[in-house]
Full PDB file with SEQRES, HELIX, SHEET, SSBOND, CRYST1, ORIGX, SCALE, CONECT and MASTER records, all heavy atoms in Angstrom:
SEQRES   1 A   35  PRO VAL VAL LYS ILE THR ILE ASN ASN SER VAL LEU PHE          
SEQRES   2 A   35  LYS SER GLY SER SER TYR VAL ASN SER SER ALA HIS ASN          
SEQRES   3 A   35  LEU LEU GLY GLU LEU ALA ASN LEU ILE                          
HELIX    1 AA1 ASN A    9  LEU A   12  1                                   4    
HELIX    2 AA2 SER A   22  ALA A   24  5                                   3    
HELIX    3 AA3 HIS A   25  LEU A   34  1                                  10    
CRYST1    1.000    1.000    1.000  90.00  90.00  90.00 P 1           1          
ORIGX1      1.000000  0.000000  0.000000        0.00000                         
ORIGX2      0.000000  1.000000  0.000000        0.00000                         
ORIGX3      0.000000  0.000000  1.000000        0.00000                         
SCALE1      1.000000  0.000000  0.000000        0.00000                         
SCALE2      0.000000  1.000000  0.000000        0.00000                         
SCALE3      0.000000  0.000000  1.000000        0.00000                         
ATOM      1  N   PRO A   1      23.198 135.057 172.156  1.00  0.00           N  
ATOM      2  CA  PRO A   1      22.983 133.874 172.987  1.00  0.00           C  
ATOM      3  C   PRO A   1      23.864 132.722 172.533  1.00  0.00           C  
ATOM      4  O   PRO A   1      23.581 131.579 172.789  1.00  0.00           O  
ATOM      5  CB  PRO A   1      21.519 133.564 172.743  1.00  0.00           C  
ATOM      6  CG  PRO A   1      21.343 133.897 171.280  1.00  0.00           C  
ATOM      7  CD  PRO A   1      22.284 135.061 170.999  1.00  0.00           C  
ATOM      8  N   VAL A   2      24.938 133.071 171.822  1.00  0.00           N  
ATOM      9  CA  VAL A   2      25.800 132.054 171.222  1.00  0.00           C  
ATOM     10  C   VAL A   2      26.855 131.586 172.223  1.00  0.00           C  
ATOM     11  O   VAL A   2      27.394 132.380 172.991  1.00  0.00           O  
ATOM     12  CB  VAL A   2      26.486 132.620 169.956  1.00  0.00           C  
ATOM     13  CG1 VAL A   2      27.554 131.674 169.445  1.00  0.00           C  
ATOM     14  CG2 VAL A   2      25.450 132.878 168.872  1.00  0.00           C  
ATOM     15  N   VAL A   3      27.147 130.294 172.208  1.00  0.00           N  
ATOM     16  CA  VAL A   3      28.228 129.728 173.009  1.00  0.00           C  
ATOM     17  C   VAL A   3      29.256 129.158 172.042  1.00  0.00           C  
ATOM     18  O   VAL A   3      28.942 128.302 171.218  1.00  0.00           O  
ATOM     19  CB  VAL A   3      27.717 128.612 173.944  1.00  0.00           C  
ATOM     20  CG1 VAL A   3      28.880 127.986 174.711  1.00  0.00           C  
ATOM     21  CG2 VAL A   3      26.674 129.161 174.915  1.00  0.00           C  
ATOM     22  N   LYS A   4      30.486 129.665 172.120  1.00  0.00           N  
ATOM     23  CA  LYS A   4      31.553 129.181 171.244  1.00  0.00           C  
ATOM     24  C   LYS A   4      32.576 128.415 172.068  1.00  0.00           C  
ATOM     25  O   LYS A   4      33.134 128.941 173.026  1.00  0.00           O  
ATOM     26  CB  LYS A   4      32.236 130.332 170.504  1.00  0.00           C  
ATOM     27  CG  LYS A   4      33.379 129.855 169.597  1.00  0.00           C  
ATOM     28  CD  LYS A   4      33.979 130.991 168.785  1.00  0.00           C  
ATOM     29  CE  LYS A   4      33.074 131.364 167.636  1.00  0.00           C  
ATOM     30  NZ  LYS A   4      33.720 132.329 166.707  1.00  0.00           N  
ATOM     31  N   ILE A   5      32.823 127.178 171.681  1.00  0.00           N  
ATOM     32  CA  ILE A   5      33.783 126.311 172.351  1.00  0.00           C  
ATOM     33  C   ILE A   5      34.978 126.157 171.427  1.00  0.00           C  
ATOM     34  O   ILE A   5      34.824 125.800 170.256  1.00  0.00           O  
ATOM     35  CB  ILE A   5      33.160 124.935 172.647  1.00  0.00           C  
ATOM     36  CG1 ILE A   5      31.913 125.107 173.538  1.00  0.00           C  
ATOM     37  CG2 ILE A   5      34.156 123.997 173.295  1.00  0.00           C  
ATOM     38  CD1 ILE A   5      30.850 124.100 173.270  1.00  0.00           C  
ATOM     39  N   THR A   6      36.169 126.442 171.932  1.00  0.00           N  
ATOM     40  CA  THR A   6      37.390 126.327 171.140  1.00  0.00           C  
ATOM     41  C   THR A   6      38.261 125.226 171.723  1.00  0.00           C  
ATOM     42  O   THR A   6      38.570 125.234 172.910  1.00  0.00           O  
ATOM     43  CB  THR A   6      38.164 127.653 171.129  1.00  0.00           C  
ATOM     44  OG1 THR A   6      37.332 128.694 170.600  1.00  0.00           O  
ATOM     45  CG2 THR A   6      39.414 127.546 170.271  1.00  0.00           C  
ATOM     46  N   ILE A   7      38.647 124.283 170.883  1.00  0.00           N  
ATOM     47  CA  ILE A   7      39.490 123.167 171.311  1.00  0.00           C  
ATOM     48  C   ILE A   7      40.762 123.190 170.477  1.00  0.00           C  
ATOM     49  O   ILE A   7      40.711 123.194 169.243  1.00  0.00           O  
ATOM     50  CB  ILE A   7      38.781 121.814 171.116  1.00  0.00           C  
ATOM     51  CG1 ILE A   7      37.384 121.832 171.746  1.00  0.00           C  
ATOM     52  CG2 ILE A   7      39.617 120.686 171.710  1.00  0.00           C  
ATOM     53  CD1 ILE A   7      36.583 120.573 171.493  1.00  0.00           C  
ATOM     54  N   ASN A   8      41.906 123.223 171.149  1.00  0.00           N  
ATOM     55  CA  ASN A   8      43.173 123.162 170.434  1.00  0.00           C  
ATOM     56  C   ASN A   8      43.282 121.816 169.736  1.00  0.00           C  
ATOM     57  O   ASN A   8      42.952 120.777 170.312  1.00  0.00           O  
ATOM     58  CB  ASN A   8      44.329 123.341 171.419  1.00  0.00           C  
ATOM     59  CG  ASN A   8      45.640 123.533 170.695  1.00  0.00           C  
ATOM     60  OD1 ASN A   8      46.225 122.579 170.215  1.00  0.00           O  
ATOM     61  ND2 ASN A   8      46.095 124.767 170.623  1.00  0.00           N  
ATOM     62  N   ASN A   9      43.742 121.821 168.493  1.00  0.00           N  
ATOM     63  CA  ASN A   9      43.790 120.575 167.735  1.00  0.00           C  
ATOM     64  C   ASN A   9      44.785 119.568 168.290  1.00  0.00           C  
ATOM     65  O   ASN A   9      44.717 118.376 167.963  1.00  0.00           O  
ATOM     66  CB  ASN A   9      44.093 120.862 166.261  1.00  0.00           C  
ATOM     67  CG  ASN A   9      42.838 121.218 165.483  1.00  0.00           C  
ATOM     68  OD1 ASN A   9      41.724 121.089 165.996  1.00  0.00           O  
ATOM     69  ND2 ASN A   9      43.001 121.679 164.255  1.00  0.00           N  
ATOM     70  N   SER A  10      45.721 120.014 169.140  1.00  0.00           N  
ATOM     71  CA  SER A  10      46.632 119.063 169.774  1.00  0.00           C  
ATOM     72  C   SER A  10      45.870 118.137 170.726  1.00  0.00           C  
ATOM     73  O   SER A  10      46.321 117.033 171.029  1.00  0.00           O  
ATOM     74  CB  SER A  10      47.729 119.806 170.541  1.00  0.00           C  
ATOM     75  OG  SER A  10      47.169 120.571 171.597  1.00  0.00           O  
ATOM     76  N   VAL A  11      44.701 118.585 171.196  1.00  0.00           N  
ATOM     77  CA  VAL A  11      43.842 117.757 172.052  1.00  0.00           C  
ATOM     78  C   VAL A  11      43.088 116.732 171.212  1.00  0.00           C  
ATOM     79  O   VAL A  11      42.876 115.586 171.635  1.00  0.00           O  
ATOM     80  CB  VAL A  11      42.852 118.631 172.840  1.00  0.00           C  
ATOM     81  CG1 VAL A  11      41.871 117.784 173.638  1.00  0.00           C  
ATOM     82  CG2 VAL A  11      43.589 119.596 173.761  1.00  0.00           C  
ATOM     83  N   LEU A  12      42.685 117.135 170.005  1.00  0.00           N  
ATOM     84  CA  LEU A  12      41.805 116.306 169.187  1.00  0.00           C  
ATOM     85  C   LEU A  12      42.524 115.406 168.191  1.00  0.00           C  
ATOM     86  O   LEU A  12      42.045 114.295 167.898  1.00  0.00           O  
ATOM     87  CB  LEU A  12      40.829 117.199 168.414  1.00  0.00           C  
ATOM     88  CG  LEU A  12      39.817 118.000 169.226  1.00  0.00           C  
ATOM     89  CD1 LEU A  12      39.023 118.914 168.306  1.00  0.00           C  
ATOM     90  CD2 LEU A  12      38.884 117.077 169.992  1.00  0.00           C  
ATOM     91  N   PHE A  13      43.650 115.869 167.618  1.00  0.00           N  
ATOM     92  CA  PHE A  13      44.259 115.164 166.492  1.00  0.00           C  
ATOM     93  C   PHE A  13      45.780 115.065 166.636  1.00  0.00           C  
ATOM     94  O   PHE A  13      46.413 115.925 167.240  1.00  0.00           O  
ATOM     95  CB  PHE A  13      43.965 115.908 165.174  1.00  0.00           C  
ATOM     96  CG  PHE A  13      42.516 116.196 164.929  1.00  0.00           C  
ATOM     97  CD1 PHE A  13      41.993 117.459 165.192  1.00  0.00           C  
ATOM     98  CD2 PHE A  13      41.676 115.215 164.436  1.00  0.00           C  
ATOM     99  CE1 PHE A  13      40.657 117.736 164.964  1.00  0.00           C  
ATOM    100  CE2 PHE A  13      40.337 115.485 164.202  1.00  0.00           C  
ATOM    101  CZ  PHE A  13      39.820 116.741 164.468  1.00  0.00           C  
ATOM    102  N   LYS A  14      46.343 114.025 166.033  1.00  0.00           N  
ATOM    103  CA  LYS A  14      47.786 113.963 165.848  1.00  0.00           C  
ATOM    104  C   LYS A  14      48.158 114.855 164.660  1.00  0.00           C  
ATOM    105  O   LYS A  14      47.315 115.162 163.819  1.00  0.00           O  
ATOM    106  CB  LYS A  14      48.237 112.525 165.612  1.00  0.00           C  
ATOM    107  CG  LYS A  14      48.127 111.642 166.846  1.00  0.00           C  
ATOM    108  CD  LYS A  14      48.634 110.235 166.557  1.00  0.00           C  
ATOM    109  CE  LYS A  14      48.714 109.416 167.841  1.00  0.00           C  
ATOM    110  NZ  LYS A  14      47.406 109.261 168.507  1.00  0.00           N  
ATOM    111  N   SER A  15      49.407 115.262 164.595  1.00  0.00           N  
ATOM    112  CA  SER A  15      49.852 116.169 163.531  1.00  0.00           C  
ATOM    113  C   SER A  15      49.550 115.591 162.149  1.00  0.00           C  
ATOM    114  O   SER A  15      49.896 114.440 161.850  1.00  0.00           O  
ATOM    115  CB  SER A  15      51.356 116.417 163.666  1.00  0.00           C  
ATOM    116  OG  SER A  15      51.809 117.252 162.634  1.00  0.00           O  
ATOM    117  N   GLY A  16      48.869 116.388 161.320  1.00  0.00           N  
ATOM    118  CA  GLY A  16      48.560 115.982 159.959  1.00  0.00           C  
ATOM    119  C   GLY A  16      47.449 114.967 159.831  1.00  0.00           C  
ATOM    120  O   GLY A  16      47.123 114.535 158.722  1.00  0.00           O  
ATOM    121  N   SER A  17      46.833 114.579 160.950  1.00  0.00           N  
ATOM    122  CA  SER A  17      45.796 113.544 160.928  1.00  0.00           C  
ATOM    123  C   SER A  17      44.413 114.151 161.040  1.00  0.00           C  
ATOM    124  O   SER A  17      44.241 115.223 161.621  1.00  0.00           O  
ATOM    125  CB  SER A  17      46.018 112.563 162.081  1.00  0.00           C  
ATOM    126  OG  SER A  17      44.919 111.666 162.193  1.00  0.00           O  
ATOM    127  N   SER A  18      43.423 113.454 160.491  1.00  0.00           N  
ATOM    128  CA  SER A  18      42.039 113.883 160.630  1.00  0.00           C  
ATOM    129  C   SER A  18      41.217 112.865 161.418  1.00  0.00           C  
ATOM    130  O   SER A  18      39.992 112.875 161.365  1.00  0.00           O  
ATOM    131  CB  SER A  18      41.404 114.111 159.252  1.00  0.00           C  
ATOM    132  OG  SER A  18      41.424 112.924 158.482  1.00  0.00           O  
ATOM    133  N   TYR A  19      41.915 111.994 162.160  1.00  0.00           N  
ATOM    134  CA  TYR A  19      41.239 111.030 163.030  1.00  0.00           C  
ATOM    135  C   TYR A  19      41.264 111.550 164.472  1.00  0.00           C  
ATOM    136  O   TYR A  19      42.326 111.906 164.988  1.00  0.00           O  
ATOM    137  CB  TYR A  19      41.915 109.665 162.952  1.00  0.00           C  
ATOM    138  CG  TYR A  19      41.792 109.018 161.586  1.00  0.00           C  
ATOM    139  CD1 TYR A  19      42.819 109.131 160.653  1.00  0.00           C  
ATOM    140  CD2 TYR A  19      40.641 108.311 161.222  1.00  0.00           C  
ATOM    141  CE1 TYR A  19      42.707 108.561 159.393  1.00  0.00           C  
ATOM    142  CE2 TYR A  19      40.525 107.736 159.965  1.00  0.00           C  
ATOM    143  CZ  TYR A  19      41.557 107.869 159.056  1.00  0.00           C  
ATOM    144  OH  TYR A  19      41.431 107.310 157.811  1.00  0.00           O  
ATOM    145  N   VAL A  20      40.102 111.595 165.099  1.00  0.00           N  
ATOM    146  CA  VAL A  20      40.005 112.136 166.454  1.00  0.00           C  
ATOM    147  C   VAL A  20      40.694 111.193 167.437  1.00  0.00           C  
ATOM    148  O   VAL A  20      40.428 109.981 167.442  1.00  0.00           O  
ATOM    149  CB  VAL A  20      38.534 112.340 166.868  1.00  0.00           C  
ATOM    150  CG1 VAL A  20      38.446 112.878 168.288  1.00  0.00           C  
ATOM    151  CG2 VAL A  20      37.833 113.285 165.893  1.00  0.00           C  
ATOM    152  N   ASN A  21      41.583 111.746 168.276  1.00  0.00           N  
ATOM    153  CA  ASN A  21      42.255 110.945 169.295  1.00  0.00           C  
ATOM    154  C   ASN A  21      41.234 110.295 170.228  1.00  0.00           C  
ATOM    155  O   ASN A  21      40.274 110.949 170.647  1.00  0.00           O  
ATOM    156  CB  ASN A  21      43.193 111.824 170.130  1.00  0.00           C  
ATOM    157  CG  ASN A  21      44.343 112.375 169.316  1.00  0.00           C  
ATOM    158  OD1 ASN A  21      44.799 111.754 168.361  1.00  0.00           O  
ATOM    159  ND2 ASN A  21      44.825 113.555 169.695  1.00  0.00           N  
ATOM    160  N   SER A  22      41.449 109.038 170.564  1.00  0.00           N  
ATOM    161  CA  SER A  22      40.536 108.358 171.490  1.00  0.00           C  
ATOM    162  C   SER A  22      40.522 109.039 172.853  1.00  0.00           C  
ATOM    163  O   SER A  22      39.515 109.010 173.556  1.00  0.00           O  
ATOM    164  CB  SER A  22      40.929 106.890 171.645  1.00  0.00           C  
ATOM    165  OG  SER A  22      42.262 106.766 172.117  1.00  0.00           O  
ATOM    166  N   SER A  23      41.636 109.697 173.214  1.00  0.00           N  
ATOM    167  CA  SER A  23      41.713 110.385 174.503  1.00  0.00           C  
ATOM    168  C   SER A  23      40.781 111.593 174.574  1.00  0.00           C  
ATOM    169  O   SER A  23      40.484 112.099 175.658  1.00  0.00           O  
ATOM    170  CB  SER A  23      43.154 110.843 174.771  1.00  0.00           C  
ATOM    171  OG  SER A  23      43.618 111.697 173.735  1.00  0.00           O  
ATOM    172  N   ALA A  24      40.310 112.061 173.404  1.00  0.00           N  
ATOM    173  CA  ALA A  24      39.400 113.208 173.371  1.00  0.00           C  
ATOM    174  C   ALA A  24      37.941 112.794 173.365  1.00  0.00           C  
ATOM    175  O   ALA A  24      37.054 113.650 173.408  1.00  0.00           O  
ATOM    176  CB  ALA A  24      39.696 114.073 172.141  1.00  0.00           C  
ATOM    177  N   HIS A  25      37.668 111.497 173.325  1.00  0.00           N  
ATOM    178  CA  HIS A  25      36.287 111.037 173.222  1.00  0.00           C  
ATOM    179  C   HIS A  25      35.459 111.416 174.451  1.00  0.00           C  
ATOM    180  O   HIS A  25      34.280 111.772 174.324  1.00  0.00           O  
ATOM    181  CB  HIS A  25      36.236 109.527 172.997  1.00  0.00           C  
ATOM    182  CG  HIS A  25      36.595 109.123 171.605  1.00  0.00           C  
ATOM    183  ND1 HIS A  25      36.288 107.888 171.067  1.00  0.00           N  
ATOM    184  CD2 HIS A  25      37.241 109.801 170.619  1.00  0.00           C  
ATOM    185  CE1 HIS A  25      36.723 107.823 169.819  1.00  0.00           C  
ATOM    186  NE2 HIS A  25      37.319 108.963 169.528  1.00  0.00           N  
ATOM    187  N   ASN A  26      36.047 111.338 175.638  1.00  0.00           N  
ATOM    188  CA  ASN A  26      35.294 111.694 176.844  1.00  0.00           C  
ATOM    189  C   ASN A  26      34.870 113.155 176.815  1.00  0.00           C  
ATOM    190  O   ASN A  26      33.741 113.500 177.181  1.00  0.00           O  
ATOM    191  CB  ASN A  26      36.126 111.409 178.097  1.00  0.00           C  
ATOM    192  CG  ASN A  26      36.217 109.930 178.405  1.00  0.00           C  
ATOM    193  OD1 ASN A  26      35.430 109.133 177.904  1.00  0.00           O  
ATOM    194  ND2 ASN A  26      37.195 109.551 179.211  1.00  0.00           N  
ATOM    195  N   LEU A  27      35.787 114.016 176.384  1.00  0.00           N  
ATOM    196  CA  LEU A  27      35.488 115.442 176.301  1.00  0.00           C  
ATOM    197  C   LEU A  27      34.353 115.699 175.320  1.00  0.00           C  
ATOM    198  O   LEU A  27      33.394 116.424 175.623  1.00  0.00           O  
ATOM    199  CB  LEU A  27      36.741 116.200 175.881  1.00  0.00           C  
ATOM    200  CG  LEU A  27      36.616 117.714 175.719  1.00  0.00           C  
ATOM    201  CD1 LEU A  27      36.258 118.368 177.044  1.00  0.00           C  
ATOM    202  CD2 LEU A  27      37.911 118.294 175.178  1.00  0.00           C  
ATOM    203  N   LEU A  28      34.439 115.096 174.132  1.00  0.00           N  
ATOM    204  CA  LEU A  28      33.389 115.281 173.137  1.00  0.00           C  
ATOM    205  C   LEU A  28      32.086 114.622 173.580  1.00  0.00           C  
ATOM    206  O   LEU A  28      31.003 115.089 173.222  1.00  0.00           O  
ATOM    207  CB  LEU A  28      33.848 114.719 171.796  1.00  0.00           C  
ATOM    208  CG  LEU A  28      34.996 115.483 171.117  1.00  0.00           C  
ATOM    209  CD1 LEU A  28      35.415 114.798 169.835  1.00  0.00           C  
ATOM    210  CD2 LEU A  28      34.605 116.929 170.840  1.00  0.00           C  
ATOM    211  N   GLY A  29      32.196 113.561 174.370  1.00  0.00           N  
ATOM    212  CA  GLY A  29      30.989 112.930 174.901  1.00  0.00           C  
ATOM    213  C   GLY A  29      30.246 113.855 175.843  1.00  0.00           C  
ATOM    214  O   GLY A  29      29.005 113.914 175.819  1.00  0.00           O  
ATOM    215  N   GLU A  30      30.985 114.582 176.690  1.00  0.00           N  
ATOM    216  CA  GLU A  30      30.352 115.560 177.582  1.00  0.00           C  
ATOM    217  C   GLU A  30      29.655 116.652 176.776  1.00  0.00           C  
ATOM    218  O   GLU A  30      28.540 117.072 177.092  1.00  0.00           O  
ATOM    219  CB  GLU A  30      31.400 116.186 178.508  1.00  0.00           C  
ATOM    220  CG  GLU A  30      31.950 115.252 179.556  1.00  0.00           C  
ATOM    221  CD  GLU A  30      30.918 114.928 180.624  1.00  0.00           C  
ATOM    222  OE1 GLU A  30      29.960 115.699 180.789  1.00  0.00           O  
ATOM    223  OE2 GLU A  30      31.059 113.874 181.277  1.00  0.00           O  
ATOM    224  N   LEU A  31      30.329 117.106 175.741  1.00  0.00           N  
ATOM    225  CA  LEU A  31      29.743 118.134 174.885  1.00  0.00           C  
ATOM    226  C   LEU A  31      28.511 117.598 174.168  1.00  0.00           C  
ATOM    227  O   LEU A  31      27.491 118.302 174.047  1.00  0.00           O  
ATOM    228  CB  LEU A  31      30.784 118.609 173.877  1.00  0.00           C  
ATOM    229  CG  LEU A  31      30.342 119.680 172.887  1.00  0.00           C  
ATOM    230  CD1 LEU A  31      29.811 120.909 173.604  1.00  0.00           C  
ATOM    231  CD2 LEU A  31      31.500 120.059 171.979  1.00  0.00           C  
ATOM    232  N   ALA A  32      28.566 116.353 173.721  1.00  0.00           N  
ATOM    233  CA  ALA A  32      27.414 115.750 173.046  1.00  0.00           C  
ATOM    234  C   ALA A  32      26.214 115.670 173.977  1.00  0.00           C  
ATOM    235  O   ALA A  32      25.070 115.912 173.562  1.00  0.00           O  
ATOM    236  CB  ALA A  32      27.788 114.359 172.533  1.00  0.00           C  
ATOM    237  N   ASN A  33      26.458 115.346 175.244  1.00  0.00           N  
ATOM    238  CA  ASN A  33      25.353 115.296 176.206  1.00  0.00           C  
ATOM    239  C   ASN A  33      24.691 116.659 176.357  1.00  0.00           C  
ATOM    240  O   ASN A  33      23.465 116.762 176.485  1.00  0.00           O  
ATOM    241  CB  ASN A  33      25.869 114.809 177.563  1.00  0.00           C  
ATOM    242  CG  ASN A  33      26.208 113.330 177.548  1.00  0.00           C  
ATOM    243  OD1 ASN A  33      25.670 112.567 176.739  1.00  0.00           O  
ATOM    244  ND2 ASN A  33      27.104 112.924 178.425  1.00  0.00           N  
ATOM    245  N   LEU A  34      25.503 117.711 176.365  1.00  0.00           N  
ATOM    246  CA  LEU A  34      24.958 119.061 176.440  1.00  0.00           C  
ATOM    247  C   LEU A  34      24.106 119.373 175.217  1.00  0.00           C  
ATOM    248  O   LEU A  34      22.994 119.894 175.322  1.00  0.00           O  
ATOM    249  CB  LEU A  34      26.091 120.079 176.571  1.00  0.00           C  
ATOM    250  CG  LEU A  34      25.677 121.550 176.473  1.00  0.00           C  
ATOM    251  CD1 LEU A  34      24.824 121.944 177.671  1.00  0.00           C  
ATOM    252  CD2 LEU A  34      26.903 122.446 176.386  1.00  0.00           C  
ATOM    253  N   ILE A  35      24.624 119.025 174.037  1.00  0.00           N  
ATOM    254  CA  ILE A  35      23.895 119.298 172.797  1.00  0.00           C  
ATOM    255  C   ILE A  35      22.571 118.540 172.778  1.00  0.00           C  
ATOM    256  O   ILE A  35      21.526 119.088 172.400  1.00  0.00           O  
ATOM    257  CB  ILE A  35      24.755 118.914 171.576  1.00  0.00           C  
ATOM    258  CG1 ILE A  35      25.986 119.834 171.489  1.00  0.00           C  
ATOM    259  CG2 ILE A  35      23.941 118.993 170.285  1.00  0.00           C  
ATOM    260  CD1 ILE A  35      27.029 119.361 170.491  1.00  0.00           C  
TER     261      ILE A  35                                                      
MASTER        0    0    0    3    0    0    0    6  260    1    0    3          
END                                                                             
């Protein structure tokens, strides 16, 4: 019953960075609503 979501890091982060791109916040917000 597992759901696995895979997000390419080019969507979430700049190269070598661990800060989430602001452009990805809407996507993660939708996922947060589901959770």
